[in-house]
Amino acid sequence: MNPETGQMVYNLLSPGGQHLVVNRDSIQTTENKKLCKVYGWAGADENYENVAVLYSHLTSLLEEGAIKVSKTYTILASDVSDSCSP
């Protein structure tokens, strides 16, 4: 969910309402509403069956674009300035 949508959903909550999110950093909160951060961990025992099913389909989900990989960058030691050394 993008930051604007997250804020909009939070703003629509009734007083005393709750909103569950995975990234709460960009949402401005008030005292009369709750914003709860949710964590998911594939290694938790209660997630074993669901994760097994997901992982068994992971290749096809990636190939069809249902799951998109975040961009990653490799930083070579030669790219780092000497000022970053301990």
Foldseek 3Di string as FASTA:
>chain_A
DDLVVVQVVQVPADFQEEDEDQDDVSHDDDDRYYYHHDDDDCPDPVNVVVVVVCVVCVVVCPVVVVDDDDDDDDDDPVNDDPVPDD
